[in-house]
C-alpha atoms as a PDB file:
ATOM      1  CA  MET A   1      24.838  19.625  42.126  1.00  0.00           C
ATOM      2  CA  HIS A   2      22.043  22.292  41.494  1.00  0.00           C
ATOM      3  CA  ASN A   3      24.554  24.699  39.696  1.00  0.00           C
ATOM      4  CA  THR A   4      25.796  21.598  37.570  1.00  0.00           C
ATOM      5  CA  LEU A   5      22.417  20.877  36.296  1.00  0.00           C
ATOM      6  CA  ARG A   6      21.774  24.440  35.371  1.00  0.00           C
ATOM      7  CA  ALA A   7      25.138  24.620  33.598  1.00  0.00           C
ATOM      8  CA  TRP A   8      23.965  21.562  31.564  1.00  0.00           C
ATOM      9  CA  ARG A   9      20.591  22.688  30.951  1.00  0.00           C
ATOM     10  CA  PRO A  10      21.403  24.712  27.612  1.00  0.00           C
ATOM     11  CA  ALA A  11      23.002  21.458  26.236  1.00  0.00           C
ATOM     12  CA  ILE A  12      20.278  19.005  27.270  1.00  0.00           C
ATOM     13  CA  LEU A  13      17.287  20.856  25.915  1.00  0.00           C
ATOM     14  CA  PRO A  14      18.226  20.667  22.419  1.00  0.00           C
ATOM     15  CA  LEU A  15      18.697  16.982  23.016  1.00  0.00           C
ATOM     16  CA  LEU A  16      15.411  16.600  24.520  1.00  0.00           C
ATOM     17  CA  ALA A  17      13.664  18.340  21.594  1.00  0.00           C
ATOM     18  CA  SER A  18      15.580  16.043  19.010  1.00  0.00           C
ATOM     19  CA  ALA A  19      14.420  13.164  20.990  1.00  0.00           C
ATOM     20  CA  LEU A  20      10.819  14.288  20.840  1.00  0.00           C
ATOM     21  CA  LEU A  21      11.206  14.715  17.175  1.00  0.00           C
ATOM     22  CA  ILE A  22      12.434  11.242  16.524  1.00  0.00           C
ATOM     23  CA  ALA A  23       9.681  10.115  18.699  1.00  0.00           C
ATOM     24  CA  THR A  24       6.933  11.652  16.455  1.00  0.00           C
ATOM     25  CA  LEU A  25       8.477   9.973  13.428  1.00  0.00           C
ATOM     26  CA  ALA A  26       9.278   6.417  14.883  1.00  0.00           C
ATOM     27  CA  PRO A  27       6.221   4.972  13.753  1.00  0.00           C
ATOM     28  CA  ALA A  28       6.951   5.586  10.086  1.00  0.00           C
ATOM     29  CA  ALA A  29      10.529   5.016  10.830  1.00  0.00           C
ATOM     30  CA  SER A  30      11.533   8.173   9.249  1.00  0.00           C
ATOM     31  CA  ALA A  31      13.662   9.764  11.812  1.00  0.00           C
ATOM     32  CA  GLN A  32      16.494   7.208  11.397  1.00  0.00           C
ATOM     33  CA  THR A  33      17.670   9.108   8.308  1.00  0.00           C
ATOM     34  CA  ALA A  34      16.897  12.765   9.783  1.00  0.00           C
ATOM     35  CA  ASP A  35      20.976  13.557   9.388  1.00  0.00           C
ATOM     36  CA  GLY A  36      20.853  11.667   5.902  1.00  0.00           C
ATOM     37  CA  SER A  37      23.547   9.361   7.280  1.00  0.00           C
ATOM     38  CA  ALA A  38      21.940   6.431   5.480  1.00  0.00           C
ATOM     39  CA  TRP A  39      22.416   7.843   2.045  1.00  0.00           C
ATOM     40  CA  SER A  40      25.636   6.727   0.146  1.00  0.00           C
ATOM     41  CA  ALA A  41      27.207   8.269  -3.156  1.00  0.00           C
ATOM     42  CA  GLY A  42      26.126   6.848  -6.235  1.00  0.00           C
ATOM     43  CA  PRO A  43      26.685   7.501  -9.714  1.00  0.00           C
ATOM     44  CA  SER A  44      27.694  11.208 -10.721  1.00  0.00           C
ATOM     45  CA  ALA A  45      27.533  12.048  -6.868  1.00  0.00           C
ATOM     46  CA  VAL A  46      28.821  15.341  -5.903  1.00  0.00           C
ATOM     47  CA  GLY A  47      30.428  16.563  -2.920  1.00  0.00           C
ATOM     48  CA  THR A  48      28.954  15.384   0.724  1.00  0.00           C
ATOM     49  CA  ASN A  49      25.934  13.693   1.559  1.00  0.00           C
ATOM     50  CA  THR A  50      22.903  16.247   2.216  1.00  0.00           C
ATOM     51  CA  TYR A  51      20.109  13.960   1.628  1.00  0.00           C
ATOM     52  CA  ALA A  52      17.576  12.835   4.169  1.00  0.00           C
ATOM     53  CA  GLY A  53      14.581  10.476   3.771  1.00  0.00           C
ATOM     54  CA  PHE A  54      13.801   6.782   4.418  1.00  0.00           C
ATOM     55  CA  VAL A  55      12.331   3.611   2.546  1.00  0.00           C
ATOM     56  CA  ASP A  56       9.077   2.814   4.302  1.00  0.00           C
ATOM     57  CA  GLY A  57       8.436  -0.176   2.352  1.00  0.00           C
ATOM     58  CA  PRO A  58       9.211  -2.866   2.003  1.00  0.00           C
ATOM     59  CA  THR A  59      10.582  -3.525   5.105  1.00  0.00           C
ATOM     60  CA  PRO A  60      14.146  -5.275   5.913  1.00  0.00           C
ATOM     61  CA  GLY A  61      13.870  -8.882   5.742  1.00  0.00           C
ATOM     62  CA  GLN A  62      10.337  -8.682   4.274  1.00  0.00           C
ATOM     63  CA  ASN A  63       9.328 -11.731   2.185  1.00  0.00           C
ATOM     64  CA  ILE A  64       8.169 -10.553  -1.222  1.00  0.00           C
ATOM     65  CA  PRO A  65       6.333 -12.930  -3.543  1.00  0.00           C
ATOM     66  CA  VAL A  66       8.075 -12.388  -6.950  1.00  0.00           C
ATOM     67  CA  VAL A  67       4.765 -13.623  -8.762  1.00  0.00           C
ATOM     68  CA  ALA A  68       3.023 -10.566  -7.478  1.00  0.00           C
ATOM     69  CA  PRO A  69       3.452  -6.785  -7.738  1.00  0.00           C
ATOM     70  CA  PHE A  70       4.585  -4.838  -4.838  1.00  0.00           C
ATOM     71  CA  THR A  71       5.176  -1.379  -3.857  1.00  0.00           C
ATOM     72  CA  VAL A  72       8.297   0.674  -3.051  1.00  0.00           C
ATOM     73  CA  ARG A  73       7.745   4.013  -1.091  1.00  0.00           C
ATOM     74  CA  GLY A  74       9.281   6.554   1.269  1.00  0.00           C
ATOM     75  CA  TRP A  75      10.288  10.007   1.193  1.00  0.00           C
ATOM     76  CA  VAL A  76      13.529  11.843   0.490  1.00  0.00           C
ATOM     77  CA  VAL A  77      14.902  15.298   0.390  1.00  0.00           C
ATOM     78  CA  ASP A  78      17.652  17.258  -0.328  1.00  0.00           C
ATOM     79  CA  THR A  79      18.253  19.572   2.557  1.00  0.00           C
ATOM     80  CA  THR A  80      20.153  22.152   0.607  1.00  0.00           C
ATOM     81  CA  ALA A  81      17.343  22.835  -1.917  1.00  0.00           C
ATOM     82  CA  GLN A  82      15.508  26.065  -1.625  1.00  0.00           C
ATOM     83  CA  GLY A  83      11.668  26.224  -2.144  1.00  0.00           C
ATOM     84  CA  TRP A  84      11.126  22.616  -2.883  1.00  0.00           C
ATOM     85  CA  ALA A  85      12.114  18.965  -1.671  1.00  0.00           C
ATOM     86  CA  GLY A  86      14.961  19.130  -4.266  1.00  0.00           C
ATOM     87  CA  ILE A  87      14.689  15.750  -5.653  1.00  0.00           C
ATOM     88  CA  ASP A  88      13.926  15.493  -9.525  1.00  0.00           C
ATOM     89  CA  GLU A  89      14.087  11.704 -10.102  1.00  0.00           C
ATOM     90  CA  VAL A  90      14.013   8.507  -8.239  1.00  0.00           C
ATOM     91  CA  GLN A  91      14.832   4.987  -9.409  1.00  0.00           C
ATOM     92  CA  VAL A  92      14.715   1.614  -7.895  1.00  0.00           C
ATOM     93  CA  TRP A  93      16.621  -0.975  -8.799  1.00  0.00           C
ATOM     94  CA  ASP A  94      17.153  -4.918  -8.031  1.00  0.00           C
ATOM     95  CA  GLY A  95      20.990  -4.646  -7.133  1.00  0.00           C
ATOM     96  CA  PRO A  96      23.162  -1.585  -7.922  1.00  0.00           C
ATOM     97  CA  MET A  97      22.434   0.309 -10.978  1.00  0.00           C
ATOM     98  CA  ASN A  98      26.164   0.680 -12.147  1.00  0.00           C
ATOM     99  CA  SER A  99      27.323  -3.144 -11.407  1.00  0.00           C
ATOM    100  CA  GLY A 100      25.045  -5.655 -12.867  1.00  0.00           C
ATOM    101  CA  GLY A 101      21.734  -4.346 -11.228  1.00  0.00           C
ATOM    102  CA  THR A 102      18.230  -4.439 -12.911  1.00  0.00           C
ATOM    103  CA  LEU A 103      16.048  -1.474 -13.083  1.00  0.00           C
ATOM    104  CA  LEU A 104      12.692  -2.136 -11.562  1.00  0.00           C
ATOM    105  CA  GLY A 105      11.256   1.366 -12.471  1.00  0.00           C
ATOM    106  CA  LYS A 106      11.319   4.993 -12.060  1.00  0.00           C
ATOM    107  CA  ALA A 107       9.051   6.004  -9.056  1.00  0.00           C
ATOM    108  CA  ALA A 108       6.476   8.776  -8.946  1.00  0.00           C
ATOM    109  CA  ILE A 109       7.734  11.675  -6.780  1.00  0.00           C
ATOM    110  CA  ALA A 110       6.852  14.897  -5.336  1.00  0.00           C
ATOM    111  CA  GLN A 111       3.916  12.830  -3.508  1.00  0.00           C
ATOM    112  CA  THR A 112       2.280  14.299  -0.390  1.00  0.00           C
ATOM    113  CA  ARG A 113       4.121  13.678   2.989  1.00  0.00           C
ATOM    114  CA  GLU A 114       2.233  15.927   5.436  1.00  0.00           C
ATOM    115  CA  ASP A 115       3.905  14.034   8.353  1.00  0.00           C
ATOM    116  CA  VAL A 116       7.448  14.898   7.245  1.00  0.00           C
ATOM    117  CA  SER A 117       6.550  18.609   6.541  1.00  0.00           C
ATOM    118  CA  ARG A 118       5.254  18.627  10.204  1.00  0.00           C
ATOM    119  CA  ALA A 119       8.037  16.731  11.829  1.00  0.00           C
ATOM    120  CA  PHE A 120      10.764  18.935  10.274  1.00  0.00           C
ATOM    121  CA  ASN A 121       8.742  22.204  10.173  1.00  0.00           C
ATOM    122  CA  ASN A 122       9.214  22.738   6.393  1.00  0.00           C
ATOM    123  CA  GLY A 123       6.386  22.998   4.414  1.00  0.00           C
ATOM    124  CA  TYR A 124       8.304  22.402   1.257  1.00  0.00           C
ATOM    125  CA  TRP A 125       9.079  18.776   2.373  1.00  0.00           C
ATOM    126  CA  SER A 126       5.364  18.076   2.301  1.00  0.00           C
ATOM    127  CA  ALA A 127       5.897  16.982  -1.459  1.00  0.00           C
ATOM    128  CA  SER A 128       8.886  14.702  -0.783  1.00  0.00           C
ATOM    129  CA  GLY A 129       7.184  11.052  -1.072  1.00  0.00           C
ATOM    130  CA  PHE A 130       8.020   8.637  -3.724  1.00  0.00           C
ATOM    131  CA  SER A 131       6.256   5.444  -4.646  1.00  0.00           C
ATOM    132  CA  LEU A 132       6.712   2.810  -7.354  1.00  0.00           C
ATOM    133  CA  SER A 133       4.562  -0.172  -8.065  1.00  0.00           C
ATOM    134  CA  VAL A 134       6.999  -2.994  -9.320  1.00  0.00           C
ATOM    135  CA  PRO A 135       5.136  -5.382 -11.966  1.00  0.00           C
ATOM    136  CA  ALA A 136       5.117  -9.074 -11.040  1.00  0.00           C
ATOM    137  CA  ASN A 137       8.228 -11.272 -11.776  1.00  0.00           C
ATOM    138  CA  LYS A 138      10.645  -8.319 -11.899  1.00  0.00           C
ATOM    139  CA  LEU A 139      12.220  -9.053  -8.742  1.00  0.00           C
ATOM    140  CA  GLY A 140      14.624 -11.900  -8.482  1.00  0.00           C
ATOM    141  CA  GLN A 141      14.163 -14.747  -6.136  1.00  0.00           C
ATOM    142  CA  GLY A 142      16.324 -15.313  -3.061  1.00  0.00           C
ATOM    143  CA  GLN A 143      18.174 -12.688  -0.804  1.00  0.00           C
ATOM    144  CA  ARG A 144      17.711  -9.399  -2.908  1.00  0.00           C
ATOM    145  CA  GLN A 145      19.124  -5.864  -1.983  1.00  0.00           C
ATOM    146  CA  ILE A 146      16.701  -3.176  -3.551  1.00  0.00           C
ATOM    147  CA  TYR A 147      18.344  -0.224  -4.240  1.00  0.00           C
ATOM    148  CA  VAL A 148      16.566   3.277  -4.160  1.00  0.00           C
ATOM    149  CA  TYR A 149      18.711   6.147  -6.073  1.00  0.00           C
ATOM    150  CA  ALA A 150      17.449   9.787  -5.711  1.00  0.00           C
ATOM    151  CA  HIS A 151      18.727  12.406  -7.906  1.00  0.00           C
ATOM    152  CA  SER A 152      19.146  16.266  -7.634  1.00  0.00           C
ATOM    153  CA  GLN A 153      20.401  18.741 -10.092  1.00  0.00           C
ATOM    154  CA  ASN A 154      23.344  19.602  -7.863  1.00  0.00           C
ATOM    155  CA  LYS A 155      24.054  16.330  -6.074  1.00  0.00           C
ATOM    156  CA  GLY A 156      23.810  13.757  -8.324  1.00  0.00           C
ATOM    157  CA  PHE A 157      22.735  10.151  -7.459  1.00  0.00           C
ATOM    158  CA  TRP A 158      22.501   8.976  -3.951  1.00  0.00           C
ATOM    159  CA  PHE A 159      21.279   5.804  -2.808  1.00  0.00           C
ATOM    160  CA  ARG A 160      20.146   3.803   0.153  1.00  0.00           C
ATOM    161  CA  THR A 161      19.138   0.022   0.352  1.00  0.00           C
ATOM    162  CA  VAL A 162      16.597  -2.303   2.026  1.00  0.00           C
ATOM    163  CA  SER A 163      17.607  -6.223   2.172  1.00  0.00           C
ATOM    164  CA  VAL A 164      14.431  -8.444   1.046  1.00  0.00           C
ATOM    165  CA  ASN A 165      13.735 -12.192   0.325  1.00  0.00           C
ATOM    166  CA  GLY A 166      12.213 -12.672  -3.107  1.00  0.00           C
ATOM    167  CA  THR A 167       9.980 -15.925  -2.637  1.00  0.00           C
ATOM    168  CA  ALA A 168       8.626 -18.334  -5.262  1.00  0.00           C
ATOM    169  CA  ASN A 169       4.915 -18.620  -4.457  1.00  0.00           C
ATOM    170  CA  LEU A 170       2.358 -16.749  -2.756  1.00  0.00           C
ATOM    171  CA  PRO A 171       1.501 -17.668   0.734  1.00  0.00           C
ATOM    172  CA  ASN A 172      -2.127 -17.714  -0.086  1.00  0.00           C
ATOM    173  CA  PRO A 173      -2.501 -18.543  -3.583  1.00  0.00           C
ATOM    174  CA  SER A 174      -6.303 -19.201  -3.761  1.00  0.00           C
ATOM    175  CA  ASP A 175      -7.007 -15.508  -2.566  1.00  0.00           C
ATOM    176  CA  PRO A 176      -8.953 -13.132  -2.669  1.00  0.00           C
ATOM    177  CA  LEU A 177     -11.420 -14.627  -0.032  1.00  0.00           C
ATOM    178  CA  THR A 178     -14.902 -13.407  -0.291  1.00  0.00           C
ATOM    179  CA  GLY A 179     -18.018 -13.821   1.970  1.00  0.00           C
ATOM    180  CA  ILE A 180     -21.576 -12.687   1.233  1.00  0.00           C
ATOM    181  CA  THR A 181     -23.329 -11.400   4.257  1.00  0.00           C
ATOM    182  CA  LYS A 182     -26.751 -10.342   2.727  1.00  0.00           C
ATOM    183  CA  PRO A 183     -28.638 -12.025   1.394  1.00  0.00           C
ATOM    184  CA  GLN A 184     -27.663 -15.069   3.468  1.00  0.00           C
ATOM    185  CA  SER A 185     -28.052 -18.646   1.998  1.00  0.00           C
ATOM    186  CA  SER A 186     -31.717 -19.454   0.959  1.00  0.00           C
ATOM    187  CA  GLU A 187     -32.899 -15.689   2.242  1.00  0.00           C
ATOM    188  CA  ARG A 188     -36.362 -14.615   1.158  1.00  0.00           C
ATOM    189  CA  VAL A 189     -36.005 -10.902  -0.213  1.00  0.00           C
ATOM    190  CA  ARG A 190     -39.260  -9.155  -0.913  1.00  0.00           C
ATOM    191  CA  THR A 191     -39.804  -6.848  -3.967  1.00  0.00           C
ATOM    192  CA  ASP A 192     -41.335  -3.790  -2.213  1.00  0.00           C
ATOM    193  CA  ALA A 193     -38.136  -2.185  -1.284  1.00  0.00           C
ATOM    194  CA  ASP A 194     -34.711  -1.778  -2.682  1.00  0.00           C
ATOM    195  CA  TYR A 195     -32.425  -4.242  -1.053  1.00  0.00           C
ATOM    196  CA  ILE A 196     -28.558  -3.813  -0.330  1.00  0.00           C
ATOM    197  CA  ILE A 197     -26.094  -6.621  -0.862  1.00  0.00           C
ATOM    198  CA  THR A 198     -23.357  -6.700   1.408  1.00  0.00           C
ATOM    199  CA  GLY A 199     -20.038  -8.711   1.981  1.00  0.00           C
ATOM    200  CA  TYR A 200     -16.399  -8.811   2.397  1.00  0.00           C
ATOM    201  CA  SER A 201     -13.426  -9.312  -0.094  1.00  0.00           C
ATOM    202  CA  PHE A 202      -9.726  -9.324   0.669  1.00  0.00           C
ATOM    203  CA  ASP A 203      -6.497 -10.830  -0.420  1.00  0.00           C
ATOM    204  CA  ARG A 204      -4.160 -12.025   2.716  1.00  0.00           C
ATOM    205  CA  ASN A 205      -1.258 -11.912   0.362  1.00  0.00           C
ATOM    206  CA  ALA A 206      -1.493  -7.949   0.513  1.00  0.00           C
ATOM    207  CA  SER A 207       1.193  -5.922   2.352  1.00  0.00           C
ATOM    208  CA  PRO A 208       0.258  -3.721   5.075  1.00  0.00           C
ATOM    209  CA  THR A 209       0.212  -0.798   2.838  1.00  0.00           C
ATOM    210  CA  GLN A 210      -2.071  -2.534   0.326  1.00  0.00           C
ATOM    211  CA  GLY A 211      -5.106  -2.456   2.538  1.00  0.00           C
ATOM    212  CA  SER A 212      -7.694  -5.049   1.758  1.00  0.00           C
ATOM    213  CA  GLY A 213      -5.833  -6.121  -1.418  1.00  0.00           C
ATOM    214  CA  VAL A 214      -8.994  -6.039  -3.469  1.00  0.00           C
ATOM    215  CA  ASP A 215      -9.649  -3.242  -5.923  1.00  0.00           C
ATOM    216  CA  ARG A 216     -12.938  -4.156  -7.507  1.00  0.00           C
ATOM    217  CA  VAL A 217     -16.126  -6.312  -6.745  1.00  0.00           C
ATOM    218  CA  GLU A 218     -18.578  -7.054  -9.290  1.00  0.00           C
ATOM    219  CA  VAL A 219     -22.097  -8.889  -8.810  1.00  0.00           C
ATOM    220  CA  TYR A 220     -24.094 -10.870 -11.342  1.00  0.00           C
ATOM    221  CA  LEU A 221     -27.365 -12.531 -11.231  1.00  0.00           C
ATOM    222  CA  ASP A 222     -28.288 -16.161 -12.380  1.00  0.00           C
ATOM    223  CA  TYR A 223     -25.294 -16.897 -14.390  1.00  0.00           C
ATOM    224  CA  PRO A 224     -21.490 -16.420 -14.400  1.00  0.00           C
ATOM    225  CA  LYS A 225     -20.015 -13.113 -15.754  1.00  0.00           C
ATOM    226  CA  PHE A 226     -19.001 -14.226 -19.109  1.00  0.00           C
ATOM    227  CA  ASP A 227     -22.502 -16.144 -19.860  1.00  0.00           C
ATOM    228  CA  ALA A 228     -24.409 -14.337 -22.400  1.00  0.00           C
ATOM    229  CA  SER A 229     -27.556 -14.663 -20.050  1.00  0.00           C
ATOM    230  CA  THR A 230     -26.247 -13.267 -17.154  1.00  0.00           C
ATOM    231  CA  ILE A 231     -27.480  -9.942 -15.614  1.00  0.00           C
ATOM    232  CA  ARG A 232     -24.853  -7.516 -14.384  1.00  0.00           C
ATOM    233  CA  LEU A 233     -26.101  -5.751 -10.985  1.00  0.00           C
ATOM    234  CA  GLY A 234     -23.258  -3.675 -10.796  1.00  0.00           C
ATOM    235  CA  ALA A 235     -19.593  -2.939  -9.101  1.00  0.00           C
ATOM    236  CA  ALA A 236     -19.970  -2.790  -5.285  1.00  0.00           C
ATOM    237  CA  ASP A 237     -18.806   0.136  -3.244  1.00  0.00           C
ATOM    238  CA  LEU A 238     -15.856  -0.803  -1.541  1.00  0.00           C
ATOM    239  CA  GLY A 239     -14.315   0.347   1.814  1.00  0.00           C
ATOM    240  CA  TYR A 240     -16.928  -0.438   4.325  1.00  0.00           C
ATOM    241  CA  ASP A 241     -16.145  -1.607   7.753  1.00  0.00           C
ATOM    242  CA  SER A 242     -16.338  -5.491   8.225  1.00  0.00           C
ATOM    243  CA  SER A 243     -16.091  -7.549  11.432  1.00  0.00           C
ATOM    244  CA  GLU A 244     -15.882 -10.564   9.655  1.00  0.00           C
ATOM    245  CA  ALA A 245     -13.022  -9.604   7.748  1.00  0.00           C
ATOM    246  CA  ALA A 246     -11.309  -7.925  10.539  1.00  0.00           C
ATOM    247  CA  ALA A 247     -10.955 -11.384  12.257  1.00  0.00           C
ATOM    248  CA  TYR A 248      -8.405 -12.112   9.750  1.00  0.00           C
ATOM    249  CA  GLY A 249      -6.413  -8.950  10.840  1.00  0.00           C
ATOM    250  CA  ILE A 250      -7.071  -5.298  11.476  1.00  0.00           C
ATOM    251  CA  GLN A 251      -5.688  -4.475   8.051  1.00  0.00           C
ATOM    252  CA  PHE A 252      -8.881  -6.198   6.606  1.00  0.00           C
ATOM    253  CA  SER A 253     -11.357  -4.278   8.741  1.00  0.00           C
ATOM    254  CA  ARG A 254     -12.637  -2.143   5.920  1.00  0.00           C
ATOM    255  CA  ALA A 255     -12.852  -4.990   3.372  1.00  0.00           C
ATOM    256  CA  GLY A 256     -16.283  -4.759   3.302  1.00  0.00           C
ATOM    257  CA  TRP A 257     -18.469  -3.760   0.169  1.00  0.00           C
ATOM    258  CA  GLN A 258     -22.128  -3.017  -0.524  1.00  0.00           C
ATOM    259  CA  LEU A 259     -24.418  -2.937  -3.709  1.00  0.00           C
ATOM    260  CA  ARG A 260     -27.905  -1.625  -3.775  1.00  0.00           C
ATOM    261  CA  PHE A 261     -30.400  -3.267  -6.417  1.00  0.00           C
ATOM    262  CA  SER A 262     -34.144  -3.128  -6.858  1.00  0.00           C
ATOM    263  CA  PRO A 263     -35.687  -6.741  -6.494  1.00  0.00           C
ATOM    264  CA  THR A 264     -38.988  -5.793  -8.015  1.00  0.00           C
ATOM    265  CA  LYS A 265     -37.058  -5.691 -11.417  1.00  0.00           C
ATOM    266  CA  TYR A 266     -36.561  -9.394 -11.345  1.00  0.00           C
ATOM    267  CA  LYS A 267     -38.653 -12.458 -11.565  1.00  0.00           C
ATOM    268  CA  SER A 268     -40.228 -13.822  -8.283  1.00  0.00           C
ATOM    269  CA  ASP A 269     -38.238 -17.113  -8.071  1.00  0.00           C
ATOM    270  CA  SER A 270     -35.012 -18.793  -6.722  1.00  0.00           C
ATOM    271  CA  HIS A 271     -31.944 -16.844  -8.037  1.00  0.00           C
ATOM    272  CA  GLN A 272     -28.059 -17.272  -7.620  1.00  0.00           C
ATOM    273  CA  LEU A 273     -25.700 -14.462  -6.986  1.00  0.00           C
ATOM    274  CA  PHE A 274     -22.044 -14.654  -8.467  1.00  0.00           C
ATOM    275  CA  VAL A 275     -19.595 -12.292  -6.929  1.00  0.00           C
ATOM    276  CA  TYR A 276     -16.293 -11.454  -8.339  1.00  0.00           C
ATOM    277  CA  ALA A 277     -13.643 -10.110  -6.373  1.00  0.00           C
ATOM    278  CA  ARG A 278     -10.256  -8.798  -8.077  1.00  0.00           C
ATOM    279  CA  SER A 279      -6.898  -8.806  -6.201  1.00  0.00           C
ATOM    280  CA  SER A 280      -4.798  -5.401  -6.392  1.00  0.00           C
ATOM    281  CA  VAL A 281      -2.039  -7.715  -5.302  1.00  0.00           C
ATOM    282  CA  THR A 282      -2.010 -10.348  -8.188  1.00  0.00           C
ATOM    283  CA  GLY A 283      -4.873  -9.230 -10.466  1.00  0.00           C
ATOM    284  CA  ARG A 284      -6.357 -12.894  -9.906  1.00  0.00           C
ATOM    285  CA  GLU A 285     -10.256 -12.887  -9.772  1.00  0.00           C
ATOM    286  CA  THR A 286     -12.217 -15.116  -7.583  1.00  0.00           C
ATOM    287  CA  VAL A 287     -15.953 -16.062  -7.644  1.00  0.00           C
ATOM    288  CA  THR A 288     -18.390 -16.673  -4.795  1.00  0.00           C
ATOM    289  CA  GLN A 289     -21.963 -17.966  -5.154  1.00  0.00           C
ATOM    290  CA  GLN A 290     -25.153 -17.494  -3.013  1.00  0.00           C
ATOM    291  CA  GLN A 291     -28.594 -18.656  -3.643  1.00  0.00           C
ATOM    292  CA  PHE A 292     -31.477 -16.762  -2.431  1.00  0.00           C
ATOM    293  CA  THR A 293     -35.224 -15.992  -3.438  1.00  0.00           C
ATOM    294  CA  ILE A 294     -36.986 -12.963  -4.671  1.00  0.00           C
ATOM    295  CA  PHE A 295     -40.903 -13.100  -3.817  1.00  0.00           C
ATOM    296  CA  ASP A 296     -43.853 -10.680  -3.783  1.00  0.00           C
END
């Protein structure tokens, strides 16, 4: 028995090493294409498949509101390339490019993917990422097949697909949501020191790769932003921890924002804050108000 195990050891060890490699990439689902088997020949394809890569998002079966932008992202390499990742173009289509499909756009390529470089011990593959922000209303409704076509000089176009569901409506059409945590309603704020206005804003329609789903928060005093009498306090700094937002999901744990202002510059009286949050998912802007008082 021991002799048998010793005889099999040379064959087993490489398999164990491969399994370990796959485990390291499993969270990104990337190792499923380490052998390139998921890539199929497209227009102008030459020879046999030498591509490896994965579409990290959207995920199979994902519901995508067609009225909002979404991102197609992943990584791809031509394993025969020397000194680089080997891919000079990535196109994303709704349906096949040579059979009635619609071009969704050309992706940005050569994006940083250190995880791929480390996993395959190839420094040149650190620039193997691709990403495309697909505009709203480009994807059709219903069951859709997204085709990702990757091109190299020697191999032509090869593709892989992901099936998604284009939905007509956003699940949370009223988002972004905003909460103002400081000042609290009717809080009295002294003029003898600067004050930090804090809160959180997020869009529940955001995909897991879109973070809070909010890319801008602006704060105005006393009147709405388009009123000539308003006072713009400024754009808040984003990316702060927020336990209130995290209650809606760990994805929103850093949906907090802060803005420092000097109460002494303004009249001692009752004031109204107007906080505008813009969604990076839909471009929609919502406003939230809070009353507080400045006093000497």
